[in-house]
N, C-alpha and C. Protein backbone atom coordinates (compact mmCIF):
# COMPACT_ATOMS: atom_id res chain seq x y z
N MET A 1 114.81 134.11 77.62
CA MET A 1 116.41 133.39 77.73
C MET A 1 117.13 134.24 76.88
N THR A 2 118.39 134.35 77.49
CA THR A 2 119.08 135.31 76.94
C THR A 2 119.94 134.55 75.54
N SER A 3 120.57 136.02 74.78
CA SER A 3 121.42 135.00 73.50
C SER A 3 122.85 134.36 74.01
N LYS A 4 123.00 134.43 75.50
CA LYS A 4 124.26 133.86 75.14
C LYS A 4 123.54 132.29 76.09
N GLU A 5 122.35 132.36 76.39
CA GLU A 5 122.00 131.09 76.41
C GLU A 5 121.45 130.54 74.97
N LEU A 6 120.76 130.90 74.76
CA LEU A 6 120.62 130.31 73.28
C LEU A 6 121.55 129.43 72.61
N LEU A 7 122.66 130.83 72.28
CA LEU A 7 123.76 129.87 71.90
C LEU A 7 124.12 128.72 72.20
N TYR A 8 124.40 128.41 74.05
CA TYR A 8 124.53 127.40 74.58
C TYR A 8 124.06 126.36 74.11
N VAL A 9 122.22 126.82 74.56
CA VAL A 9 121.48 125.67 74.67
C VAL A 9 121.36 124.79 72.88
N GLU A 10 121.85 125.89 71.63
CA GLU A 10 122.12 125.99 70.53
C GLU A 10 123.33 124.70 70.73
N ASP A 11 124.50 124.94 70.75
CA ASP A 11 125.84 124.50 71.10
C ASP A 11 125.52 123.00 71.88
N ALA A 12 124.59 122.43 72.65
CA ALA A 12 124.14 121.58 72.81
C ALA A 12 123.70 120.74 72.35
N LEU A 13 122.71 120.81 71.70
CA LEU A 13 122.21 120.69 70.41
C LEU A 13 123.24 119.70 69.35
N GLY A 14 124.07 120.30 68.96
CA GLY A 14 124.58 120.39 68.27
C GLY A 14 125.72 118.93 68.60
N HIS A 15 125.81 118.92 69.96
CA HIS A 15 126.54 117.92 70.17
C HIS A 15 125.71 116.64 70.42
N GLU A 16 125.05 116.67 70.63
CA GLU A 16 124.05 116.17 70.86
C GLU A 16 123.61 114.76 69.38
N VAL A 17 123.46 115.63 68.46
CA VAL A 17 123.35 115.37 67.05
C VAL A 17 124.38 114.20 66.36
N PHE A 18 125.97 115.36 66.81
CA PHE A 18 126.69 114.47 66.80
C PHE A 18 127.08 113.36 67.71
N MET A 19 126.48 113.18 68.91
CA MET A 19 127.33 111.98 69.81
C MET A 19 125.88 110.87 69.16
N LYS A 20 124.84 110.95 68.95
CA LYS A 20 123.79 110.65 68.41
C LYS A 20 124.42 109.95 67.11
N SER A 21 125.04 110.30 66.66
CA SER A 21 125.16 109.54 64.57
C SER A 21 126.60 108.57 65.09
N CYS A 22 127.25 109.40 66.20
CA CYS A 22 128.56 108.46 66.08
C CYS A 22 127.80 107.30 67.16
N SER A 23 127.16 107.56 68.19
CA SER A 23 126.91 105.74 68.06
C SER A 23 126.24 105.09 67.49
N MET A 24 124.51 105.98 66.66
CA MET A 24 124.49 104.48 65.97
C MET A 24 125.79 104.09 64.84
N LYS A 25 126.59 104.76 64.09
CA LYS A 25 127.35 104.60 62.78
C LYS A 25 128.46 103.40 63.59
N THR A 26 128.74 103.33 64.91
CA THR A 26 129.38 102.35 65.52
C THR A 26 129.33 101.86 65.82
N ALA A 27 127.71 101.31 66.55
CA ALA A 27 126.95 100.12 66.95
C ALA A 27 126.71 99.65 65.55
N ASN A 28 126.81 99.79 63.97
CA ASN A 28 126.12 99.49 63.22
C ASN A 28 127.52 98.33 62.67
N GLN A 29 129.00 99.15 63.03
CA GLN A 29 129.89 98.05 62.85
C GLN A 29 129.93 97.41 63.95
N LEU A 30 129.85 97.17 65.22
CA LEU A 30 130.56 96.08 65.90
C LEU A 30 129.54 95.04 65.22
N THR A 31 130.94 94.25 65.73
CA THR A 31 130.18 92.59 65.80
C THR A 31 130.02 91.84 67.02
N ASP A 32 130.52 92.56 67.82
CA ASP A 32 130.14 92.20 69.13
C ASP A 32 128.79 92.44 69.89
N VAL A 33 128.06 92.07 69.75
CA VAL A 33 126.88 92.07 70.19
C VAL A 33 126.50 93.12 71.98
N ASN A 34 127.39 92.27 72.51
CA ASN A 34 127.38 93.31 73.60
C ASN A 34 127.21 94.63 73.50
N LEU A 35 128.79 94.99 72.97
CA LEU A 35 129.03 95.96 72.58
C LEU A 35 128.32 96.92 71.74
N SER A 36 127.21 96.49 70.96
CA SER A 36 126.81 97.27 69.96
C SER A 36 125.59 97.33 70.22
N ASN A 37 124.83 96.61 71.48
CA ASN A 37 123.49 97.03 72.59
C ASN A 37 123.54 98.11 72.96
N TYR A 38 125.31 98.03 73.96
CA TYR A 38 125.58 99.78 74.42
C TYR A 38 125.21 100.80 73.90
N MET A 39 126.36 100.65 72.51
CA MET A 39 126.43 101.77 71.90
C MET A 39 124.28 102.30 71.59
N LYS A 40 124.22 101.27 70.94
CA LYS A 40 122.79 102.01 71.06
C LYS A 40 121.68 102.24 72.27
N ASP A 41 122.49 101.69 73.51
CA ASP A 41 122.14 102.33 74.37
C ASP A 41 122.14 104.00 74.45
N LEU A 42 123.87 104.12 74.27
CA LEU A 42 124.29 105.10 74.65
C LEU A 42 123.53 105.95 73.28
N GLU A 43 122.69 105.64 72.14
CA GLU A 43 122.37 106.68 71.22
C GLU A 43 121.11 107.09 71.47
N LYS A 44 120.43 106.24 72.25
CA LYS A 44 119.11 106.30 73.04
C LYS A 44 118.64 107.15 74.02
N GLU A 45 120.43 107.62 74.70
CA GLU A 45 120.90 108.29 75.75
C GLU A 45 121.43 110.33 75.66
N HIS A 46 121.60 110.24 74.24
CA HIS A 46 121.92 111.04 73.12
C HIS A 46 120.28 111.47 72.79
N THR A 47 119.61 110.84 72.37
CA THR A 47 118.32 110.95 72.17
C THR A 47 117.49 111.71 72.97
N GLU A 48 117.70 111.27 74.18
CA GLU A 48 116.40 111.80 75.18
C GLU A 48 117.29 113.24 75.66
N LEU A 49 118.68 113.20 75.87
CA LEU A 49 119.83 115.06 76.43
C LEU A 49 119.03 115.51 75.17
N PHE A 50 119.11 115.18 73.48
CA PHE A 50 118.55 116.45 72.80
C PHE A 50 117.00 116.94 72.91
N ASN A 51 116.42 115.96 72.98
CA ASN A 51 114.87 115.99 73.03
C ASN A 51 114.67 116.97 74.53
N LYS A 52 115.59 116.74 75.72
CA LYS A 52 115.79 118.05 77.07
C LYS A 52 116.10 119.34 76.15
N PHE A 53 117.04 119.22 75.83
CA PHE A 53 117.69 120.89 75.12
C PHE A 53 116.73 121.12 74.16
N LEU A 54 115.65 120.47 73.03
CA LEU A 54 115.37 121.60 72.73
C LEU A 54 113.92 121.81 73.30
N ASN A 55 113.67 121.30 74.50
CA ASN A 55 112.25 121.45 75.01
C ASN A 55 112.68 123.06 76.03
N LEU A 56 113.83 123.47 75.88
CA LEU A 56 114.16 124.28 77.15
C LEU A 56 113.66 126.03 75.76
N LEU A 57 113.75 125.48 74.18
CA LEU A 57 113.15 126.73 73.43
C LEU A 57 111.94 126.61 73.37
């Protein structure tokens, strides 16, 4: 893997961590059950994407 590709993967990992934390925080603040569940699903999706990017290393 080139250094440029490594920087891209590291950047993508950072974005996924940020999106996961935003999704989790929002899910905990929402009072609407459907929206909260949707945000929890997004959190799971970003966790999966994080793991996929991590496996590239």
